[in-house]
Amino acid sequence: MKLVWPGAVYHPPGIAVKEGYFLRRCFGKYNYVTGLHRAITNSAEDSGWHRFASAESCKSLARIYIYTADDCNDSDVSRSESVLAEEIFNREPIRNGIELQITKGLHMREIDVSEITNAIRELCIEANHTLTPDMKEALDRAAVTEESPLGKQILEQLEENLVIAKEDMIPICQDTGMAVVYLEVGQDVHFTGGLLEDAVNEGVRQGYVDGFLRKSVVSDPIERVNTGDNTPAVLHYFPAAGDRVKITVAPKGFGSENMSRVFMLKPADGIEGVKNAVLSAVRDAGPNACPPMVVGVGIGGTFEKCALLSKMALLRKAGEHSEIPYVAEMEKELLERINQTGIGPGGLGGVTTALAVNVLTYPTHIAGLPVAVNICCHVNRHAVREL
């Protein structure tokens, strides 16, 4: 099992350590790659030991990865572990059959794309059957504070629907949405076994087929032929530090999606212009977005960036506010004003039109003030997993 990564030096079975530490040859001859790390070969061949020339040559090593096998056959790798370079000196002599990969500063973690497929399959099913705790709490509070008898009755029915969906494994809503998948991938991750996008779509296919979820995706926006398995997903990929992968699956129904808006405001419109745009979008949506709703708002960036921000804003927990003071105040004000519109649960009147307003911002051009509003129904489905 030989792993080769950019910026790495591969030494056949041995161990690289600081000055005064030694590495032992397990089999064969060494072919040292010079440049990043120099090795001297003045130790006796019959002893099977070699030593690095200086501490500087190893100082940048953050981790050493050892792959242990019963023999030297690549297919027989049975165990992998990581150890700090400083710990090497205290370890037992290395057995025959060990291969070592050294990287400068960071290691690369291999993840087979089948793990991505399995996770997304499960997340598609989970998101469509259970509500996140924060949304459940928000709905519970609304059922208590709603003043309209009809509105209160609607909220109680929605809560009963949630219980039935969870206990009987029936989708919360008949519109099980188009799968929106967010991947935050550490830059020290290397995917193996196939293409990442194919793995994502296979996970969606399995989730919607095996979970008996409605297939709502057509292959062409004009010809309108159903793909039969709810693929393809909408995939958003974000590089991150480290060697972890965070997967978020957010199925988006189109009753609320169709009510979304983008406003290309002028800088002179300012914060009041932003507030008016959000309120305009909510009023226009009325009952069509299946209230009580969650309102995601993206401000800044470009045309497409503010739209993405507004959708990502829906992922924040209901009741949590922005860390930016003026944004947090705007969220609270907008929620209050939206709930004063009287649209109410199901659009039939009441004081609970929205459960949360979440705003994300991004730097923008001196000549623009883009604003996007992405509305989601009371379910606001999403499920998260980290690999």
Protein backbone atom coordinates (compact mmCIF):
# COMPACT_ATOMS: atom_id res chain seq x y z
CA MET A 1 0.00 0.00 0.00
CA LYS A 2 2.16 2.83 -1.29
CA LEU A 3 0.67 6.29 -0.93
CA VAL A 4 2.25 9.15 -2.85
CA TRP A 5 1.13 12.74 -2.24
CA PRO A 6 2.41 16.10 -3.50
CA GLY A 7 5.27 17.44 -1.45
CA ALA A 8 5.92 14.08 0.16
CA VAL A 9 9.01 11.92 0.38
CA TYR A 10 8.49 8.20 0.23
CA HIS A 11 10.91 5.94 2.05
CA PRO A 12 10.49 2.19 1.72
CA PRO A 13 10.01 0.43 5.05
CA GLY A 14 11.87 2.50 7.62
CA ILE A 15 11.35 5.34 9.97
CA ALA A 16 12.41 8.99 9.75
CA VAL A 17 13.18 10.77 13.01
CA LYS A 18 15.14 13.67 14.43
CA GLU A 19 18.91 13.91 14.72
CA GLY A 20 20.26 11.08 16.83
CA TYR A 21 17.27 8.88 15.97
CA PHE A 22 17.76 6.02 13.60
CA LEU A 23 15.71 4.17 11.05
CA ARG A 24 16.04 0.48 10.42
CA ARG A 25 15.91 -1.15 7.02
CA CYS A 26 13.29 -3.90 6.91
CA PHE A 27 13.87 -5.17 3.45
CA GLY A 28 15.44 -4.12 0.16
CA LYS A 29 17.55 -1.05 -0.46
CA TYR A 30 16.74 2.58 0.20
CA ASN A 31 16.34 5.10 -2.59
CA TYR A 32 16.33 8.42 -0.78
CA VAL A 33 14.67 11.37 -2.46
CA THR A 34 16.76 14.44 -1.80
CA GLY A 35 15.51 18.02 -1.58
CA LEU A 36 13.02 18.13 1.25
CA HIS A 37 14.92 15.73 3.47
CA ARG A 38 18.52 14.57 3.13
CA ALA A 39 19.56 11.21 4.47
CA ILE A 40 23.07 9.98 5.02
CA THR A 41 23.93 6.41 4.26
CA ASN A 42 27.21 6.05 6.12
CA SER A 43 25.91 3.47 8.58
CA ALA A 44 26.95 -0.09 8.18
CA GLU A 45 24.92 -1.99 5.64
CA ASP A 46 25.10 -5.16 7.68
CA SER A 47 23.44 -3.47 10.66
CA GLY A 48 20.42 -2.42 8.65
CA TRP A 49 20.32 1.01 10.34
CA HIS A 50 20.35 4.50 8.79
CA ARG A 51 20.40 7.97 10.31
CA PHE A 52 19.08 11.35 9.20
CA ALA A 53 21.68 14.08 8.90
CA SER A 54 20.10 16.84 10.96
CA ALA A 55 17.16 17.84 13.08
CA GLU A 56 16.30 20.48 10.51
CA SER A 57 15.62 17.82 7.93
CA CYS A 58 12.78 16.46 10.03
CA LYS A 59 11.60 19.55 11.88
CA SER A 60 8.68 20.21 9.52
CA LEU A 61 7.21 16.74 9.86
CA ALA A 62 3.88 16.92 11.66
CA ARG A 63 2.85 13.29 11.51
CA ILE A 64 4.24 9.99 10.39
CA TYR A 65 1.88 7.39 9.00
CA ILE A 66 2.70 3.73 9.28
CA TYR A 67 0.97 0.99 7.33
CA THR A 68 1.49 -2.45 8.82
CA ALA A 69 0.94 -5.69 6.93
CA ASP A 70 1.56 -9.34 7.62
CA ASP A 71 3.88 -9.39 4.66
CA CYS A 72 4.97 -7.09 1.86
CA ASN A 73 1.95 -7.72 -0.35
CA ASP A 74 0.12 -4.44 -1.03
CA SER A 75 -3.24 -6.18 -0.76
CA ASP A 76 -2.54 -7.44 2.75
CA VAL A 77 -2.50 -4.12 4.57
CA SER A 78 -4.33 -4.85 7.79
CA ARG A 79 -3.89 -1.82 10.03
CA SER A 80 -3.10 1.89 9.87
CA GLU A 81 -2.21 4.26 12.66
CA SER A 82 -0.71 7.69 13.16
CA VAL A 83 1.96 8.66 15.66
CA LEU A 84 3.66 11.92 16.47
CA ALA A 85 7.24 12.17 15.26
CA GLU A 86 8.42 12.73 18.83
CA GLU A 87 6.93 9.41 19.88
CA ILE A 88 8.85 7.36 17.36
CA PHE A 89 11.94 6.91 19.54
CA ASN A 90 9.93 5.14 22.22
CA ARG A 91 8.38 2.63 19.87
CA GLU A 92 9.42 -1.00 19.42
CA PRO A 93 11.66 -1.84 16.46
CA ILE A 94 9.74 -1.85 13.20
CA ARG A 95 8.71 -5.24 11.85
CA ASN A 96 9.20 -6.53 8.35
CA GLY A 97 6.39 -5.47 6.03
CA ILE A 98 6.02 -1.84 7.11
CA GLU A 99 5.77 0.94 4.58
CA LEU A 100 6.12 4.56 5.61
CA GLN A 101 4.76 7.72 4.02
CA ILE A 102 6.15 11.05 5.21
CA THR A 103 4.50 14.38 4.40
CA LYS A 104 5.64 17.91 5.00
CA GLY A 105 3.48 19.46 7.70
CA LEU A 106 0.20 17.69 6.93
CA HIS A 107 -0.92 14.21 5.98
CA MET A 108 -3.53 13.18 3.44
CA ARG A 109 -6.44 11.12 4.68
CA GLU A 110 -7.97 8.73 2.19
CA ILE A 111 -11.76 8.35 2.12
CA ASP A 112 -13.45 5.96 -0.25
CA VAL A 113 -16.35 7.69 -1.98
CA SER A 114 -18.60 4.80 -0.97
CA GLU A 115 -18.60 6.35 2.53
CA ILE A 116 -20.00 9.56 1.03
CA THR A 117 -22.68 7.58 -0.80
CA ASN A 118 -23.75 5.71 2.33
CA ALA A 119 -23.87 8.87 4.44
CA ILE A 120 -25.94 10.81 1.91
CA ARG A 121 -28.35 7.90 1.49
CA GLU A 122 -29.03 7.89 5.22
CA LEU A 123 -29.21 11.69 5.47
CA CYS A 124 -31.81 11.92 2.68
CA ILE A 125 -34.04 9.51 4.58
CA GLU A 126 -33.42 11.14 7.97
CA ALA A 127 -34.07 14.69 6.78
CA ASN A 128 -37.39 13.72 5.21
CA HIS A 129 -38.73 11.91 8.26
CA THR A 130 -37.59 13.84 11.34
CA LEU A 131 -37.44 17.48 12.30
CA THR A 132 -34.27 18.96 13.78
CA PRO A 133 -34.56 19.70 17.54
CA ASP A 134 -34.34 23.48 17.07
CA MET A 135 -37.23 23.51 14.59
CA LYS A 136 -39.31 21.27 16.86
CA GLU A 137 -38.73 23.65 19.78
CA ALA A 138 -39.65 26.66 17.64
CA LEU A 139 -42.86 24.99 16.54
CA ASP A 140 -43.70 24.03 20.13
CA ARG A 141 -43.26 27.64 21.25
CA ALA A 142 -45.42 28.91 18.40
CA ALA A 143 -48.24 26.53 19.33
CA VAL A 144 -48.26 28.10 22.81
CA THR A 145 -47.95 31.76 21.80
CA GLU A 146 -50.25 31.78 18.76
CA GLU A 147 -53.29 33.94 19.50
CA SER A 148 -55.60 32.90 16.69
CA PRO A 149 -57.74 29.81 17.52
CA LEU A 150 -57.54 28.66 13.90
CA GLY A 151 -53.83 29.34 13.78
CA LYS A 152 -53.30 27.39 17.00
CA GLN A 153 -55.31 24.48 15.59
CA ILE A 154 -53.15 24.42 12.45
CA LEU A 155 -49.95 24.40 14.49
CA GLU A 156 -51.27 21.52 16.61
CA GLN A 157 -52.07 19.58 13.44
CA LEU A 158 -48.56 20.21 12.13
CA GLU A 159 -47.12 18.86 15.37
CA GLU A 160 -49.34 15.78 15.16
CA ASN A 161 -48.11 15.25 11.60
CA LEU A 162 -44.52 15.29 12.84
CA VAL A 163 -45.23 12.57 15.40
CA ILE A 164 -46.90 10.34 12.82
CA ALA A 165 -44.07 10.88 10.34
CA LYS A 166 -41.41 9.88 12.88
CA GLU A 167 -43.24 6.91 14.37
CA ASP A 168 -44.55 5.43 11.11
CA MET A 169 -41.54 6.46 8.95
CA ILE A 170 -43.71 8.48 6.60
CA PRO A 171 -42.24 11.61 5.00
CA ILE A 172 -43.12 14.80 6.86
CA CYS A 173 -44.30 16.32 3.58
CA GLN A 174 -45.36 14.75 0.30
CA ASP A 175 -42.93 17.10 -1.48
CA THR A 176 -39.67 15.44 -0.47
CA GLY A 177 -37.78 18.12 -2.33
CA MET A 178 -34.78 18.45 -4.58
CA ALA A 179 -31.68 17.33 -2.70
CA VAL A 180 -29.30 20.19 -1.93
CA VAL A 181 -25.97 18.84 -0.65
CA TYR A 182 -23.25 20.88 1.02
CA LEU A 183 -19.80 19.34 1.34
CA GLU A 184 -17.15 20.98 3.52
CA VAL A 185 -14.02 19.05 2.62
CA GLY A 186 -10.73 19.32 4.47
CA GLN A 187 -7.83 20.06 2.15
CA ASP A 188 -5.99 17.05 3.58
CA VAL A 189 -8.61 14.61 2.29
CA HIS A 190 -8.08 12.52 -0.81
CA PHE A 191 -11.11 10.73 -2.24
CA THR A 192 -10.62 7.29 -3.77
CA GLY A 193 -12.81 4.76 -5.53
CA GLY A 194 -14.53 7.05 -8.02
CA LEU A 195 -15.75 10.56 -8.70
CA LEU A 196 -17.11 12.55 -5.77
CA GLU A 197 -20.08 13.97 -7.69
CA ASP A 198 -21.08 10.49 -8.86
CA ALA A 199 -20.93 9.27 -5.26
CA VAL A 200 -23.16 12.13 -4.10
CA ASN A 201 -25.78 11.41 -6.75
CA GLU A 202 -25.66 7.70 -6.02
CA GLY A 203 -26.35 8.47 -2.37
CA VAL A 204 -29.34 10.59 -3.34
CA ARG A 205 -30.58 7.88 -5.70
CA GLN A 206 -30.37 5.21 -3.01
CA GLY A 207 -31.94 7.45 -0.38
CA TYR A 208 -34.95 8.36 -2.48
CA VAL A 209 -35.45 4.89 -3.95
CA ASP A 210 -34.82 2.84 -0.79
CA GLY A 211 -36.63 5.39 1.39
CA PHE A 212 -39.69 5.42 -0.89
CA LEU A 213 -39.45 9.20 -1.20
CA ARG A 214 -41.21 11.05 -4.01
CA LYS A 215 -39.07 11.56 -7.09
CA SER A 216 -39.50 15.21 -8.05
CA VAL A 217 -36.62 16.01 -10.41
CA VAL A 218 -36.94 16.37 -14.19
CA SER A 219 -33.95 15.99 -16.50
CA ASP A 220 -34.64 19.19 -18.46
CA PRO A 221 -36.48 22.33 -17.30
CA ILE A 222 -38.46 22.56 -20.56
CA GLU A 223 -38.94 18.95 -21.71
CA ARG A 224 -39.92 17.90 -18.14
CA VAL A 225 -39.03 14.18 -18.17
CA ASN A 226 -38.70 12.79 -14.63
CA THR A 227 -35.31 11.23 -13.87
CA GLY A 228 -37.01 8.57 -11.77
CA ASP A 229 -34.59 8.70 -8.83
CA ASN A 230 -34.51 12.39 -7.76
CA THR A 231 -31.05 12.94 -9.19
CA PRO A 232 -29.07 14.98 -9.85
CA ALA A 233 -28.55 16.78 -6.56
CA VAL A 234 -27.53 20.41 -6.30
CA LEU A 235 -23.99 20.18 -4.94
CA HIS A 236 -22.10 22.94 -3.14
CA TYR A 237 -18.44 22.21 -2.38
CA PHE A 238 -16.39 24.19 0.14
CA PRO A 239 -12.69 23.60 0.90
CA ALA A 240 -11.76 23.66 4.58
CA ALA A 241 -8.79 23.04 6.83
CA GLY A 242 -8.03 19.59 8.22
CA ASP A 243 -8.94 16.07 7.20
CA ARG A 244 -12.66 15.91 7.96
CA VAL A 245 -15.68 15.98 5.68
CA LYS A 246 -18.92 17.63 6.82
CA ILE A 247 -22.00 16.63 4.83
CA THR A 248 -25.26 18.53 5.00
CA VAL A 249 -28.30 17.33 3.06
CA ALA A 250 -31.16 19.83 2.80
CA PRO A 251 -34.09 18.63 0.67
CA LYS A 252 -35.88 21.74 -0.67
CA GLY A 253 -39.55 21.64 -1.57
CA PHE A 254 -40.67 24.01 -4.27
CA GLY A 255 -43.76 25.47 -2.68
CA SER A 256 -41.43 27.69 -0.68
CA GLU A 257 -38.56 27.69 -3.19
CA ASN A 258 -40.79 29.28 -5.83
CA MET A 259 -41.35 32.21 -3.48
CA SER A 260 -37.66 33.11 -3.32
CA ARG A 261 -36.43 36.45 -4.65
CA VAL A 262 -33.26 38.33 -5.59
CA PHE A 263 -33.09 42.12 -5.37
CA MET A 264 -30.19 44.02 -6.92
CA LEU A 265 -30.41 47.13 -4.77
CA LYS A 266 -28.35 50.29 -4.99
CA PRO A 267 -25.94 51.12 -2.15
CA ALA A 268 -28.03 54.21 -1.42
CA ASP A 269 -30.98 51.96 -0.53
CA GLY A 270 -29.10 51.00 2.63
CA ILE A 271 -30.38 48.85 5.44
CA GLU A 272 -33.95 50.13 5.13
CA GLY A 273 -33.96 49.05 1.50
CA VAL A 274 -32.82 45.59 2.60
CA LYS A 275 -35.60 45.33 5.20
CA ASN A 276 -38.22 46.45 2.69
CA ALA A 277 -37.02 43.87 0.16
CA VAL A 278 -37.34 41.06 2.70
CA LEU A 279 -40.79 42.16 3.81
CA SER A 280 -41.89 42.48 0.17
CA ALA A 281 -40.78 38.92 -0.57
CA VAL A 282 -42.64 37.55 2.47
CA ARG A 283 -45.85 39.45 1.67
CA ASP A 284 -45.74 38.24 -1.94
CA ALA A 285 -45.23 34.67 -0.75
CA GLY A 286 -48.27 34.79 1.51
CA PRO A 287 -49.71 31.30 2.06
CA ASN A 288 -47.80 29.75 -0.84
CA ALA A 289 -44.65 29.14 1.21
CA CYS A 290 -46.55 26.96 3.73
CA PRO A 291 -46.16 29.21 6.78
CA PRO A 292 -45.00 29.38 9.46
CA MET A 293 -41.80 29.83 7.52
CA VAL A 294 -38.11 30.27 8.05
CA VAL A 295 -36.69 33.21 6.12
CA GLY A 296 -33.10 33.03 4.91
CA VAL A 297 -31.53 36.29 3.77
CA GLY A 298 -28.23 36.79 1.94
CA ILE A 299 -26.74 40.26 1.65
CA GLY A 300 -23.66 41.15 -0.39
CA GLY A 301 -21.37 39.35 -2.77
CA THR A 302 -22.69 39.02 -6.31
CA PHE A 303 -25.98 37.92 -7.88
CA GLU A 304 -25.29 34.21 -7.31
CA LYS A 305 -23.40 34.64 -4.02
CA CYS A 306 -26.24 36.37 -2.20
CA ALA A 307 -28.63 33.63 -3.38
CA LEU A 308 -26.33 30.94 -1.97
CA LEU A 309 -25.98 32.88 1.29
CA SER A 310 -29.74 33.07 1.68
CA LYS A 311 -30.09 29.31 1.27
CA MET A 312 -27.20 28.59 3.64
CA ALA A 313 -28.76 30.93 6.20
CA LEU A 314 -31.62 28.43 6.53
CA LEU A 315 -29.15 25.94 8.04
CA ARG A 316 -28.56 28.05 11.15
CA LYS A 317 -30.48 26.92 14.20
CA ALA A 318 -33.78 28.67 14.79
CA GLY A 319 -33.39 31.19 17.59
CA GLU A 320 -29.66 31.72 17.09
CA HIS A 321 -28.67 35.14 15.82
CA SER A 322 -25.76 36.55 13.86
CA GLU A 323 -22.59 37.46 15.73
CA ILE A 324 -22.64 40.83 13.93
CA PRO A 325 -24.61 43.20 16.19
CA TYR A 326 -26.46 45.18 13.52
CA VAL A 327 -27.36 41.95 11.67
CA ALA A 328 -28.69 40.35 14.84
CA GLU A 329 -30.86 43.41 15.50
CA MET A 330 -32.13 43.33 11.93
CA GLU A 331 -33.06 39.63 12.30
CA LYS A 332 -35.09 40.35 15.42
CA GLU A 333 -36.81 43.36 13.88
CA LEU A 334 -37.68 41.53 10.67
CA LEU A 335 -39.12 38.56 12.58
CA GLU A 336 -41.34 40.88 14.59
CA ARG A 337 -42.52 42.80 11.52
CA ILE A 338 -43.15 39.61 9.50
CA ASN A 339 -45.28 38.23 12.32
CA GLN A 340 -47.27 41.46 12.27
CA THR A 341 -48.34 40.89 8.67
CA GLY A 342 -51.17 38.64 9.85
CA ILE A 343 -50.48 35.92 7.26
CA GLY A 344 -50.31 33.36 10.06
CA PRO A 345 -50.10 29.54 10.07
CA GLY A 346 -51.24 28.08 6.77
CA GLY A 347 -51.90 31.62 5.54
CA LEU A 348 -55.17 31.65 7.47
CA GLY A 349 -54.35 34.43 9.89
CA GLY A 350 -52.45 34.70 13.16
CA VAL A 351 -49.29 36.05 14.73
CA THR A 352 -46.99 33.21 13.68
CA THR A 353 -46.00 33.82 10.07
CA ALA A 354 -42.31 33.07 10.59
CA LEU A 355 -40.40 31.00 13.12
CA ALA A 356 -37.00 32.55 12.39
CA VAL A 357 -35.19 35.06 10.21
CA ASN A 358 -31.54 34.22 9.54
CA VAL A 359 -29.23 36.65 7.73
CA LEU A 360 -25.77 36.05 6.27
CA THR A 361 -23.59 38.81 4.81
CA TYR A 362 -20.57 38.94 2.51
CA PRO A 363 -18.31 41.71 1.14
CA THR A 364 -19.61 43.25 -2.07
CA HIS A 365 -18.76 45.70 -4.86
CA ILE A 366 -18.79 49.45 -4.26
CA ALA A 367 -21.60 49.82 -6.82
CA GLY A 368 -23.98 47.16 -5.55
CA LEU A 369 -26.13 45.88 -2.70
CA PRO A 370 -27.40 42.41 -3.71
CA VAL A 371 -30.09 40.90 -1.48
CA ALA A 372 -31.62 37.43 -1.76
CA VAL A 373 -34.51 35.94 0.17
CA ASN A 374 -34.87 32.16 0.32
CA ILE A 375 -38.01 31.07 2.14
CA CYS A 376 -38.52 27.62 3.63
CA CYS A 377 -41.64 26.10 5.13
CA HIS A 378 -42.01 25.19 8.82
CA VAL A 379 -40.17 21.88 8.26
CA ASN A 380 -36.87 23.44 7.09
CA ARG A 381 -35.41 19.98 6.50
CA HIS A 382 -31.70 19.31 6.85
CA ALA A 383 -29.48 16.65 8.35
CA VAL A 384 -25.75 16.75 9.05
CA ARG A 385 -22.97 14.19 9.39
CA GLU A 386 -19.20 14.43 9.73
CA LEU A 387 -16.73 11.84 8.48
